[in-house]
Protein backbone atom coordinates (compact mmCIF):
# COMPACT_ATOMS: atom_id res chain seq x y z
CA UNK A 1 -17.66 -22.44 -22.29
CA UNK A 2 -17.96 -19.61 -24.51
CA UNK A 3 -15.74 -16.74 -24.15
CA UNK A 4 -17.41 -12.95 -24.27
CA UNK A 5 -16.43 -9.66 -23.96
CA UNK A 6 -19.67 -8.11 -22.46
CA UNK A 7 -22.07 -10.57 -20.68
CA UNK A 8 -25.68 -9.74 -20.04
CA UNK A 9 -25.71 -11.35 -16.23
CA UNK A 10 -22.67 -9.93 -14.98
CA UNK A 11 -20.77 -7.43 -15.97
CA UNK A 12 -17.28 -6.24 -13.64
CA UNK A 13 -16.89 -3.60 -14.98
CA UNK A 14 -21.01 -2.37 -14.39
CA UNK A 15 -20.34 -3.57 -10.99
CA UNK A 16 -17.47 -1.08 -10.32
CA UNK A 17 -20.10 1.25 -11.80
CA UNK A 18 -22.31 0.99 -9.33
CA UNK A 19 -19.81 0.46 -6.08
CA UNK A 20 -18.57 3.68 -7.59
CA UNK A 21 -22.11 5.52 -7.63
CA UNK A 22 -22.07 3.56 -3.69
CA UNK A 23 -19.18 5.93 -2.70
CA UNK A 24 -20.43 8.78 -3.84
CA UNK A 25 -20.77 10.83 -0.25
CA UNK A 26 -23.89 10.74 1.18
CA UNK A 27 -25.53 11.77 4.45
CA UNK A 28 -26.79 9.26 7.04
CA UNK A 29 -25.23 5.89 5.49
CA UNK A 30 -22.68 5.11 7.86
CA UNK A 31 -24.89 3.36 10.18
CA UNK A 32 -24.99 0.16 7.79
CA UNK A 33 -21.62 0.09 7.08
CA UNK A 34 -20.00 0.51 10.63
CA UNK A 35 -23.10 0.03 13.20
CA UNK A 36 -22.81 3.22 13.64
CA UNK A 37 -19.44 4.19 14.39
CA UNK A 38 -19.51 1.58 17.21
CA UNK A 39 -16.90 -0.83 17.22
CA UNK A 40 -17.62 -4.31 16.43
CA UNK A 41 -16.33 -7.04 19.04
CA UNK A 42 -14.99 -10.13 17.43
CA UNK A 43 -15.12 -13.88 19.00
CA UNK A 44 -12.08 -15.09 21.14
CA UNK A 45 -11.42 -17.47 17.85
CA UNK A 46 -11.40 -14.66 15.54
CA UNK A 47 -9.43 -12.58 17.80
CA UNK A 48 -6.43 -15.34 18.31
CA UNK A 49 -6.30 -16.12 14.28
CA UNK A 50 -6.09 -12.17 13.77
CA UNK A 51 -3.24 -11.62 15.87
CA UNK A 52 -1.17 -14.24 14.85
CA UNK A 53 -0.98 -12.42 11.46
CA UNK A 54 -0.23 -9.42 12.72
CA UNK A 55 3.78 -9.73 11.93
CA UNK A 56 4.58 -8.14 8.42
CA UNK A 57 4.90 -9.91 5.16
CA UNK A 58 6.09 -9.31 2.09
CA UNK A 59 4.09 -9.63 -1.35
CA UNK A 60 5.94 -12.10 -4.15
CA UNK A 61 5.72 -8.79 -6.24
CA UNK A 62 8.30 -7.50 -3.53
CA UNK A 63 10.28 -10.05 -2.85
CA UNK A 64 11.04 -10.31 -7.05
CA UNK A 65 11.44 -6.94 -7.46
CA UNK A 66 14.04 -6.89 -4.87
CA UNK A 67 16.03 -10.08 -6.74
CA UNK A 68 15.89 -7.90 -9.61
CA UNK A 69 17.78 -4.78 -7.63
CA UNK A 70 20.02 -7.63 -6.46
CA UNK A 71 21.02 -9.43 -9.41
CA UNK A 72 21.97 -6.06 -11.18
CA UNK A 73 23.99 -4.79 -8.62
CA UNK A 74 25.87 -8.10 -8.48
CA UNK A 75 26.16 -8.38 -11.89
CA UNK A 76 27.47 -5.06 -12.14
CA UNK A 77 30.01 -5.60 -8.79
CA UNK A 78 31.78 -8.95 -10.39
CA UNK A 79 32.15 -6.93 -13.58
CA UNK A 80 33.52 -4.00 -12.38
CA UNK A 81 35.83 -6.53 -9.73
CA UNK A 82 37.27 -8.33 -12.75
CA UNK A 83 37.83 -4.92 -14.59
CA UNK A 84 39.96 -3.54 -11.49
CA UNK A 85 41.65 -6.64 -10.96
CA UNK A 86 42.24 -8.06 -14.10
CA UNK A 87 42.47 -4.86 -16.94
CA UNK A 88 43.30 -2.47 -14.37
CA UNK A 89 42.35 0.55 -17.09
CA UNK A 90 43.39 4.27 -17.20
CA UNK A 91 40.39 6.59 -15.98
CA UNK A 92 39.44 7.32 -19.02
CA UNK A 93 38.77 2.94 -20.06
CA UNK A 94 37.35 2.92 -16.52
CA UNK A 95 34.35 5.17 -17.51
CA UNK A 96 33.71 3.22 -20.87
CA UNK A 97 34.15 0.13 -18.80
CA UNK A 98 31.93 1.06 -16.21
CA UNK A 99 29.47 2.14 -18.83
CA UNK A 100 29.47 -1.07 -20.26
CA UNK A 101 29.00 -3.09 -17.18
CA UNK A 102 25.96 -1.03 -16.56
CA UNK A 103 24.04 -1.81 -19.56
CA UNK A 104 25.19 -5.32 -19.85
CA UNK A 105 23.83 -6.11 -15.98
CA UNK A 106 20.56 -3.96 -17.30
CA UNK A 107 20.16 -6.02 -20.08
CA UNK A 108 20.91 -9.33 -18.75
CA UNK A 109 18.24 -8.40 -15.91
CA UNK A 110 16.15 -7.53 -19.17
CA UNK A 111 16.60 -10.57 -20.56
CA UNK A 112 16.16 -12.77 -17.57
CA UNK A 113 12.66 -11.00 -16.99
CA UNK A 114 11.68 -11.75 -20.39
CA UNK A 115 12.36 -15.26 -19.90
CA UNK A 116 10.07 -15.37 -17.03
CA UNK A 117 12.63 -16.48 -14.77
CA UNK A 118 11.41 -14.08 -11.96
CA UNK A 119 8.23 -15.82 -11.46
CA UNK A 120 7.49 -17.29 -8.01
CA UNK A 121 7.47 -20.86 -9.91
CA UNK A 122 10.45 -20.77 -11.97
CA UNK A 123 12.52 -19.42 -8.59
CA UNK A 124 11.35 -22.43 -7.07
CA UNK A 125 12.22 -24.84 -9.34
CA UNK A 126 16.11 -23.52 -9.21
CA UNK A 127 17.16 -26.55 -11.69
CA UNK A 128 14.95 -26.73 -13.76
CA UNK A 129 15.58 -23.43 -15.08
CA UNK A 130 19.09 -23.00 -15.27
CA UNK A 131 19.14 -23.62 -19.37
CA UNK A 132 16.79 -20.65 -19.28
CA UNK A 133 18.85 -18.84 -16.75
CA UNK A 134 22.27 -19.36 -19.08
CA UNK A 135 20.41 -18.61 -22.06
CA UNK A 136 19.12 -15.19 -21.03
CA UNK A 137 22.98 -14.68 -19.94
CA UNK A 138 24.34 -15.76 -23.05
CA UNK A 139 22.20 -13.89 -25.47
CA UNK A 140 22.83 -10.56 -23.26
CA UNK A 141 26.71 -11.18 -23.62
CA UNK A 142 25.95 -12.03 -27.33
CA UNK A 143 23.81 -8.83 -27.52
CA UNK A 144 26.91 -6.93 -25.95
CA UNK A 145 29.61 -8.18 -28.55
CA UNK A 146 27.54 -7.03 -31.63
CA UNK A 147 27.00 -3.73 -30.38
CA UNK A 148 30.73 -3.20 -29.51
CA UNK A 149 31.41 -4.69 -32.76
CA UNK A 150 29.35 -2.38 -34.68
CA UNK A 151 30.10 0.36 -32.25
CA UNK A 152 33.93 -0.52 -33.78
CA UNK A 153 34.99 -0.15 -30.12
CA UNK A 154 35.40 -4.12 -29.69
CA UNK A 155 39.33 -3.66 -29.87
CA UNK A 156 39.35 -1.48 -26.88
CA UNK A 157 37.94 -4.28 -24.57
CA UNK A 158 39.35 -7.31 -23.14
CA UNK A 159 38.14 -10.57 -24.27
CA UNK A 160 39.30 -12.34 -21.22
CA UNK A 161 37.79 -9.99 -19.36
CA UNK A 162 34.68 -10.43 -21.27
CA UNK A 163 34.71 -14.27 -21.01
CA UNK A 164 35.68 -14.02 -16.85
CA UNK A 165 32.71 -11.62 -16.64
CA UNK A 166 30.38 -14.10 -18.71
CA UNK A 167 31.83 -17.35 -16.21
CA UNK A 168 31.65 -15.31 -12.88
CA UNK A 169 28.20 -13.80 -13.83
CA UNK A 170 26.61 -17.31 -15.17
CA UNK A 171 28.18 -19.26 -11.51
CA UNK A 172 26.90 -16.65 -9.91
CA UNK A 173 23.13 -16.79 -11.12
CA UNK A 174 23.14 -20.26 -10.72
CA UNK A 175 24.16 -20.35 -6.95
CA UNK A 176 21.76 -17.53 -6.08
CA UNK A 177 19.34 -19.37 -7.17
CA UNK A 178 19.94 -22.32 -5.59
CA UNK A 179 19.87 -20.43 -2.56
CA UNK A 180 16.79 -17.91 -3.55
CA UNK A 181 14.73 -21.06 -4.06
CA UNK A 182 15.66 -22.40 -0.33
CA UNK A 183 14.71 -19.24 0.83
CA UNK A 184 11.41 -19.11 -0.88
CA UNK A 185 10.39 -22.73 0.14
CA UNK A 186 11.25 -21.16 4.01
CA UNK A 187 9.51 -17.86 3.81
CA UNK A 188 6.41 -19.98 2.61
CA UNK A 189 6.72 -22.27 5.31
CA UNK A 190 6.69 -19.02 7.98
CA UNK A 191 4.81 -16.92 6.46
CA UNK A 192 7.70 -14.58 5.35
CA UNK A 193 6.00 -14.72 1.64
CA UNK A 194 2.52 -15.35 1.49
CA UNK A 195 -0.37 -13.01 0.51
CA UNK A 196 -2.66 -13.36 3.58
CA UNK A 197 -6.66 -13.44 2.11
CA UNK A 198 -10.06 -13.90 4.03
CA UNK A 199 -13.04 -14.92 2.21
CA UNK A 200 -16.46 -13.30 2.37
CA UNK A 201 -19.20 -15.94 1.91
CA UNK A 202 -19.41 -19.56 3.16
CA UNK A 203 -21.06 -22.58 1.91
CA UNK A 204 -20.56 -24.68 -0.96
CA UNK A 205 -19.04 -21.88 -3.21
CA UNK A 206 -16.48 -21.35 -0.71
CA UNK A 207 -15.28 -24.97 -0.49
CA UNK A 208 -15.30 -25.31 -4.00
CA UNK A 209 -12.58 -21.97 -4.00
CA UNK A 210 -10.85 -23.35 -1.25
CA UNK A 211 -10.11 -26.67 -2.95
CA UNK A 212 -9.70 -25.45 -6.20
CA UNK A 213 -6.50 -22.83 -4.47
CA UNK A 214 -5.34 -26.40 -2.54
CA UNK A 215 -4.66 -27.92 -5.56
CA UNK A 216 -2.41 -25.29 -6.90
CA UNK A 217 1.15 -26.65 -6.69
CA UNK A 218 2.43 -22.52 -6.52
CA UNK A 219 -0.29 -21.01 -4.08
CA UNK A 220 1.24 -18.20 -2.27
CA UNK A 221 -2.56 -17.79 -0.88
CA UNK A 222 -2.71 -18.50 3.02
CA UNK A 223 -6.71 -18.61 4.12
CA UNK A 224 -7.47 -16.78 7.49
CA UNK A 225 -11.05 -17.47 7.90
CA UNK A 226 -14.42 -17.40 6.28
CA UNK A 227 -16.96 -14.84 7.48
CA UNK A 228 -20.90 -15.14 6.21
CA UNK A 229 -23.86 -13.65 7.51
CA UNK A 230 -25.74 -16.70 6.91
CA UNK A 231 -26.57 -19.02 9.39
CA UNK A 232 -25.17 -22.86 9.98
CA UNK A 233 -27.82 -23.94 7.88
CA UNK A 234 -27.06 -22.16 4.39
CA UNK A 235 -23.09 -21.58 6.22
CA UNK A 236 -21.76 -24.29 8.17
CA UNK A 237 -19.51 -23.21 10.71
CA UNK A 238 -16.58 -25.55 9.32
CA UNK A 239 -15.57 -25.18 5.74
CA UNK A 240 -13.49 -27.48 4.45
CA UNK A 241 -11.17 -26.75 7.73
CA UNK A 242 -11.33 -23.58 7.70
CA UNK A 243 -13.25 -21.88 10.62
CA UNK A 244 -16.43 -19.40 9.84
CA UNK A 245 -14.52 -16.80 12.14
CA UNK A 246 -18.04 -14.57 12.40
CA UNK A 247 -20.52 -12.11 10.30
CA UNK A 248 -19.68 -9.39 7.52
CA UNK A 249 -19.18 -6.64 9.81
CA UNK A 250 -16.63 -8.76 12.17
CA UNK A 251 -14.31 -9.03 9.01
CA UNK A 252 -14.30 -5.50 8.92
CA UNK A 253 -12.92 -5.81 12.26
CA UNK A 254 -10.52 -8.54 11.32
CA UNK A 255 -9.03 -7.09 8.61
CA UNK A 256 -7.89 -4.10 9.99
CA UNK A 257 -6.47 -6.25 13.10
CA UNK A 258 -5.00 -8.55 11.09
CA UNK A 259 -2.61 -7.69 8.37
CA UNK A 260 -4.81 -8.71 5.33
CA UNK A 261 -3.71 -8.74 1.90
CA UNK A 262 -6.79 -10.28 -0.23
CA UNK A 263 -10.38 -10.47 0.49
CA UNK A 264 -12.08 -13.31 -1.98
CA UNK A 265 -15.78 -12.68 -2.18
CA UNK A 266 -17.37 -16.33 -2.84
CA UNK A 267 -20.59 -16.30 -4.48
CA UNK A 268 -21.96 -17.39 -7.92
CA UNK A 269 -21.82 -14.48 -10.71
CA UNK A 270 -25.37 -14.37 -10.59
CA UNK A 271 -26.00 -13.09 -6.77
CA UNK A 272 -25.19 -9.31 -7.86
CA UNK A 273 -27.39 -7.79 -5.18
CA UNK A 274 -25.76 -9.70 -2.53
CA UNK A 275 -22.10 -9.22 -4.13
CA UNK A 276 -23.17 -4.95 -4.26
CA UNK A 277 -24.17 -5.47 -0.37
CA UNK A 278 -21.00 -6.68 0.59
CA UNK A 279 -18.99 -4.27 -1.29
CA UNK A 280 -20.75 -1.33 0.10
CA UNK A 281 -19.60 -2.73 3.68
CA UNK A 282 -15.85 -3.78 2.51
CA UNK A 283 -14.58 -1.57 -0.08
CA UNK A 284 -13.51 0.77 3.10
CA UNK A 285 -10.73 -1.53 3.61
CA UNK A 286 -7.03 -1.22 2.02
CA UNK A 287 -6.73 -4.91 0.45
CA UNK A 288 -7.20 -6.37 -2.78
CA UNK A 289 -10.94 -7.59 -3.03
CA UNK A 290 -11.66 -10.20 -5.77
CA UNK A 291 -14.48 -12.50 -6.56
CA UNK A 292 -14.49 -15.98 -7.08
CA UNK A 293 -14.65 -17.49 -10.89
CA UNK A 294 -13.17 -20.75 -10.99
CA UNK A 295 -16.62 -22.13 -11.14
CA UNK A 296 -18.00 -19.99 -13.46
CA UNK A 297 -18.69 -20.82 -17.30
CA UNK A 298 -18.68 -17.32 -18.44
CA UNK A 299 -15.19 -15.97 -19.61
CA UNK A 300 -14.01 -12.09 -19.54
CA UNK A 301 -11.38 -10.25 -20.98
CA UNK A 302 -8.26 -11.24 -19.78
CA UNK A 303 -7.51 -7.96 -17.75
CA UNK A 304 -10.26 -8.01 -15.88
CA UNK A 305 -8.52 -11.30 -14.31
CA UNK A 306 -6.01 -12.15 -11.36
CA UNK A 307 -4.67 -15.36 -11.54
CA UNK A 308 -3.63 -18.05 -8.35
CA UNK A 309 -2.26 -21.07 -10.30
CA UNK A 310 -5.00 -21.95 -12.54
CA UNK A 311 -7.77 -20.16 -10.42
CA UNK A 312 -9.28 -17.02 -12.15
CA UNK A 313 -10.30 -14.16 -9.82
CA UNK A 314 -12.44 -11.04 -10.97
CA UNK A 315 -10.29 -7.72 -10.11
CA UNK A 316 -12.86 -5.49 -8.44
CA UNK A 317 -10.41 -3.23 -6.23
CA UNK A 318 -7.16 -2.71 -5.76
CA UNK A 319 -5.54 -1.91 -2.57
CA UNK A 320 -4.34 2.38 -3.48
CA UNK A 321 -0.23 2.80 -2.83
CA UNK A 322 0.93 -1.48 -2.86
CA UNK A 323 3.93 -2.96 -3.12
CA UNK A 324 6.50 -0.90 -4.84
CA UNK A 325 4.38 2.59 -4.88
CA UNK A 326 4.70 2.75 -1.14
CA UNK A 327 8.02 1.88 -1.18
CA UNK A 328 8.42 5.15 -3.79
CA UNK A 329 6.03 6.99 -1.68
CA UNK A 330 8.12 6.02 1.54
CA UNK A 331 11.41 7.45 -0.30
CA UNK A 332 9.69 10.28 -1.18
CA UNK A 333 8.33 10.94 2.14
CA UNK A 334 11.98 10.52 3.71
CA UNK A 335 13.78 12.49 1.38
CA UNK A 336 11.64 15.79 1.31
CA UNK A 337 11.13 15.09 5.07
CA UNK A 338 14.95 15.73 6.04
CA UNK A 339 15.02 18.45 3.47
CA UNK A 340 12.23 20.26 5.49
CA UNK A 341 13.87 20.14 8.80
CA UNK A 342 17.10 20.86 7.42
CA UNK A 343 15.66 24.36 5.55
CA UNK A 344 12.89 24.98 8.70
CA UNK A 345 15.37 24.35 11.51
CA UNK A 346 15.18 28.31 12.79
CA UNK A 347 11.39 28.12 12.69
CA UNK A 348 11.31 24.75 14.70
CA UNK A 349 13.84 26.82 17.38
CA UNK A 350 11.66 29.70 17.19
CA UNK A 351 8.24 28.47 17.71
CA UNK A 352 9.57 26.39 20.71
CA UNK A 353 10.85 29.52 22.07
CA UNK A 354 7.65 30.93 21.82
CA UNK A 355 5.26 28.73 23.11
CA UNK A 356 7.81 27.82 25.94
CA UNK A 357 8.13 30.98 27.12
CA UNK A 358 4.83 32.49 26.96
CA UNK A 359 2.68 29.99 28.60
CA UNK A 360 3.00 27.26 31.04
CA UNK A 361 3.36 23.35 30.19
CA UNK A 362 4.72 21.40 27.58
CA UNK A 363 6.23 22.38 23.73
CA UNK A 364 4.88 19.82 22.04
CA UNK A 365 1.00 18.69 22.29
CA UNK A 366 0.19 14.77 21.66
CA UNK A 367 -2.96 13.76 20.11
CA UNK A 368 -4.46 10.39 19.39
CA UNK A 369 -5.72 9.95 15.95
CA UNK A 370 -6.82 7.07 13.22
CA UNK A 371 -4.24 6.38 11.15
CA UNK A 372 -3.55 3.77 8.01
CA UNK A 373 -6.17 1.35 8.24
CA UNK A 374 -7.77 2.88 11.30
CA UNK A 375 -5.10 2.24 14.16
CA UNK A 376 -4.26 4.89 16.79
CA UNK A 377 -1.66 6.72 16.43
CA UNK A 378 -0.24 9.77 18.71
CA UNK A 379 0.36 13.06 16.48
CA UNK A 380 2.64 15.47 17.30
CA UNK A 381 1.89 19.27 17.82
CA UNK A 382 3.24 22.70 18.81
CA UNK A 383 0.74 23.25 21.76
CA UNK A 384 -1.38 26.44 20.63
CA UNK A 385 -3.67 25.82 23.89
CA UNK A 386 -3.74 26.65 27.25
CA UNK A 387 -2.27 23.23 29.02
CA UNK A 388 -5.43 23.37 31.79
CA UNK A 389 -7.63 23.86 28.59
CA UNK A 390 -6.17 21.56 26.16
CA UNK A 391 -8.15 18.78 24.79
CA UNK A 392 -6.74 15.86 23.81
CA UNK A 393 -10.30 14.26 22.26
CA UNK A 394 -11.11 17.10 20.19
CA UNK A 395 -14.73 16.66 21.28
CA UNK A 396 -14.90 20.52 21.06
CA UNK A 397 -13.76 21.94 18.03
CA UNK A 398 -11.65 25.26 17.91
CA UNK A 399 -13.71 28.01 17.10
CA UNK A 400 -12.91 31.80 16.38
CA UNK A 401 -11.62 33.61 18.96
CA UNK A 402 -11.65 30.70 21.41
CA UNK A 403 -10.07 31.15 24.66
CA UNK A 404 -8.65 28.23 25.15
CA UNK A 405 -6.05 29.28 22.22
CA UNK A 406 -3.17 31.33 23.62
CA UNK A 407 -1.97 34.13 21.45
CA UNK A 408 1.18 32.42 20.33
CA UNK A 409 -1.16 29.34 19.75
CA UNK A 410 -3.18 31.56 17.41
CA UNK A 411 -0.56 32.40 15.39
CA UNK A 412 0.72 29.23 15.07
CA UNK A 413 -2.31 27.34 13.66
CA UNK A 414 -3.54 30.20 11.83
CA UNK A 415 0.30 29.61 9.82
CA UNK A 416 -0.10 25.93 9.92
CA UNK A 417 3.47 26.12 12.37
CA UNK A 418 1.89 24.10 14.64
CA UNK A 419 1.96 21.27 12.28
CA UNK A 420 5.90 20.79 11.67
CA UNK A 421 6.42 18.55 14.24
CA UNK A 422 4.63 16.20 12.13
CA UNK A 423 7.51 15.83 10.39
CA UNK A 424 8.53 13.77 12.93
CA UNK A 425 5.58 11.27 12.04
CA UNK A 426 6.55 10.99 8.65
CA UNK A 427 9.96 10.02 9.76
CA UNK A 428 8.75 7.16 12.28
CA UNK A 429 6.75 6.14 9.29
CA UNK A 430 3.23 7.24 11.09
CA UNK A 431 2.42 9.84 8.28
CA UNK A 432 3.20 10.51 5.11
CA UNK A 433 3.72 13.90 3.59
CA UNK A 434 0.69 13.72 1.66
CA UNK A 435 -2.40 12.06 2.02
CA UNK A 436 -5.98 12.53 3.83
CA UNK A 437 -5.39 14.36 7.64
CA UNK A 438 -5.76 12.58 10.58
CA UNK A 439 -8.90 13.46 12.38
CA UNK A 440 -8.83 12.97 16.26
CA UNK A 441 -10.76 10.33 17.50
CA UNK A 442 -13.38 11.63 19.24
CA UNK A 443 -14.13 14.73 16.40
CA UNK A 444 -17.50 15.58 15.86
CA UNK A 445 -19.81 18.05 14.04
CA UNK A 446 -22.73 18.73 15.96
CA UNK A 447 -22.17 15.90 18.47
CA UNK A 448 -22.29 13.80 15.85
CA UNK A 449 -18.83 11.47 14.84
CA UNK A 450 -17.80 11.84 10.99
CA UNK A 451 -18.20 8.30 10.57
CA UNK A 452 -22.33 8.73 11.42
CA UNK A 453 -22.62 11.49 8.75
CA UNK A 454 -20.48 10.26 5.86
CA UNK A 455 -21.14 6.84 4.44
CA UNK A 456 -17.39 5.25 3.73
CA UNK A 457 -15.66 8.10 5.69
CA UNK A 458 -13.16 5.19 6.96
CA UNK A 459 -12.38 4.52 3.47
CA UNK A 460 -9.76 8.04 3.96
CA UNK A 461 -7.97 5.17 6.29
CA UNK A 462 -6.95 3.14 3.18
CA UNK A 463 -3.70 5.06 3.28
CA UNK A 464 -1.82 6.65 5.31
CA UNK A 465 -2.63 10.14 6.31
CA UNK A 466 -0.75 13.10 5.46
CA UNK A 467 0.76 16.43 6.95
CA UNK A 468 -1.03 18.10 3.87
CA UNK A 469 -3.61 17.14 1.51
CA UNK A 470 -5.07 17.21 -1.86
CA UNK A 471 -8.70 18.59 0.67
CA UNK A 472 -6.36 21.60 2.56
CA UNK A 473 -4.95 23.08 -0.48
CA UNK A 474 -8.61 22.90 -2.44
CA UNK A 475 -9.53 24.95 0.73
CA UNK A 476 -10.60 22.49 2.92
CA UNK A 477 -9.03 23.22 6.22
CA UNK A 478 -9.77 24.14 9.68
CA UNK A 479 -13.05 24.34 11.64
CA UNK A 480 -15.94 21.88 10.77
CA UNK A 481 -19.05 23.59 12.14
CA UNK A 482 -21.04 22.03 9.30
CA UNK A 483 -21.84 18.40 8.15
CA UNK A 484 -21.07 19.24 4.52
CA UNK A 485 -17.69 20.44 5.17
CA UNK A 486 -17.21 16.72 6.50
CA UNK A 487 -18.59 15.28 3.41
CA UNK A 488 -16.66 17.49 0.87
CA UNK A 489 -13.30 16.78 2.75
CA UNK A 490 -13.89 13.01 2.42
CA UNK A 491 -14.41 13.46 -0.98
CA UNK A 492 -11.58 15.15 -1.96
CA UNK A 493 -9.48 12.64 0.39
CA UNK A 494 -11.04 9.78 -1.66
CA UNK A 495 -9.87 11.41 -4.98
CA UNK A 496 -6.70 11.51 -4.05
CA UNK A 497 -6.33 8.00 -2.72
CA UNK A 498 -7.95 7.12 -6.45
CA UNK A 499 -5.74 9.16 -8.28
CA UNK A 500 -2.47 9.08 -6.46
CA UNK A 501 0.72 9.18 -7.96
CA UNK A 502 4.30 10.64 -6.92
CA UNK A 503 3.67 13.81 -9.48
CA UNK A 504 0.31 14.69 -8.20
CA UNK A 505 2.24 14.57 -4.31
CA UNK A 506 4.78 16.54 -5.17
CA UNK A 507 2.00 19.34 -6.94
CA UNK A 508 0.26 19.12 -3.78
CA UNK A 509 3.42 19.59 -1.63
CA UNK A 510 4.34 22.72 -3.60
CA UNK A 511 0.58 24.34 -3.76
CA UNK A 512 0.74 23.97 0.24
CA UNK A 513 2.64 27.02 1.36
CA UNK A 514 0.70 29.26 -1.42
CA UNK A 515 -2.78 27.96 -0.28
CA UNK A 516 -1.80 28.43 3.20
CA UNK A 517 -2.15 31.86 2.55
CA UNK A 518 -5.68 31.36 2.82
CA UNK A 519 -5.85 31.83 6.48
CA UNK A 520 -10.07 32.28 6.35
CA UNK A 521 -11.03 28.76 7.98
CA UNK A 522 -8.22 28.49 10.42
CA UNK A 523 -8.66 29.52 14.08
């Protein structure tokens, strides 16, 4: 096999560039993607299988990350416990010991990582990994002993304490890894730890891919079904024991109903036109998109690949804000939401009283909107309209001087105080603090739904919607009275998704109160 960096026949970077061009917001392109915005009905078998995969699962990255955290914590606790019981030092020396224990625990976890003991195959083979496990732990202690010697503090530490910590730490690691190996086998059987995948494209290429995956001893991929637009002659209804569940349009609906992690396109690399056609429809999904490359003689640069055992997959798109990024964002959301509620409770009380005392009806208005992965969520707002004129579907956008809006509601909407109850949506996990703003299900511009105006509109839903967003602080808030407004808003939302970071969230969060001073388009 020839190894080449930029083959003439196929270049994954060129595929990405072409799909990026497809993702440029253009008018009238959404009909192909979503059949004019209509919901595609799944056949009974596809719906039944999708419902089987609604339960949450945990990726291997999450499992191994939690294991690192657990081992650091337990090694620290063991060292601290021995220090407290055996050494019982003074306060000054206790601080010294705590520093040594923290550094030693972190070094131990780092060396265990370097020794590849956190790979799923290594975790499965607990007995085989014992020499490597104990070797990494011993090197950590040898390094600590050298550091204590060179910094001339070795005489201040107890040698018995040092040896007891090494011994009990080693016993813990060996026993814990046996339990983890048993747990991983159990999680793999019951689906707790797996990557759920669907295959786009059937026939012989899909059969070869499935057989190659099944031959991998440490395969964590659960194939949930196959989807293909071709008829029975070119794409049989059963491929390697897996059913063909429907067309590519049905795949989009299936992936939204089930908790799918990965979408594998099983087509030859030479079928670039068809691959691009599929990606135009599939990139809106919040999943990793991979292209099977197991049967092709070409080999690209290693960074282009991800591996399932020895099966290479070309990485086309990664799910945004996944694994530990999602954990960090969730911690960010909870922390800042609680801080906001602590600081703004007088505003909440004032707004609630003003709504209740100035017009009859409930204080909180609830509206169904699109959330992550197109799921329907109920978003909270302070009621700003007269109850008998409210419009939960948002078919008719609020305009300047709209008679449906109460005098108090007009102030709440201009100042965005009406959005404050959405902090409770954030705490429930339905919204993020920062993200694309959630739109009402029936939201329209000139009697056309947004999905009919903007190609790739549903790609906004690859992440959780937010209380504020990049589009809002750039002036795209308020009434959408022209098609270009929803196009530009979607462009900014997609830019945010592709460029997300915690610092970006922080920037948007702190700019939001400043930009809210511009109330030109808020009615």
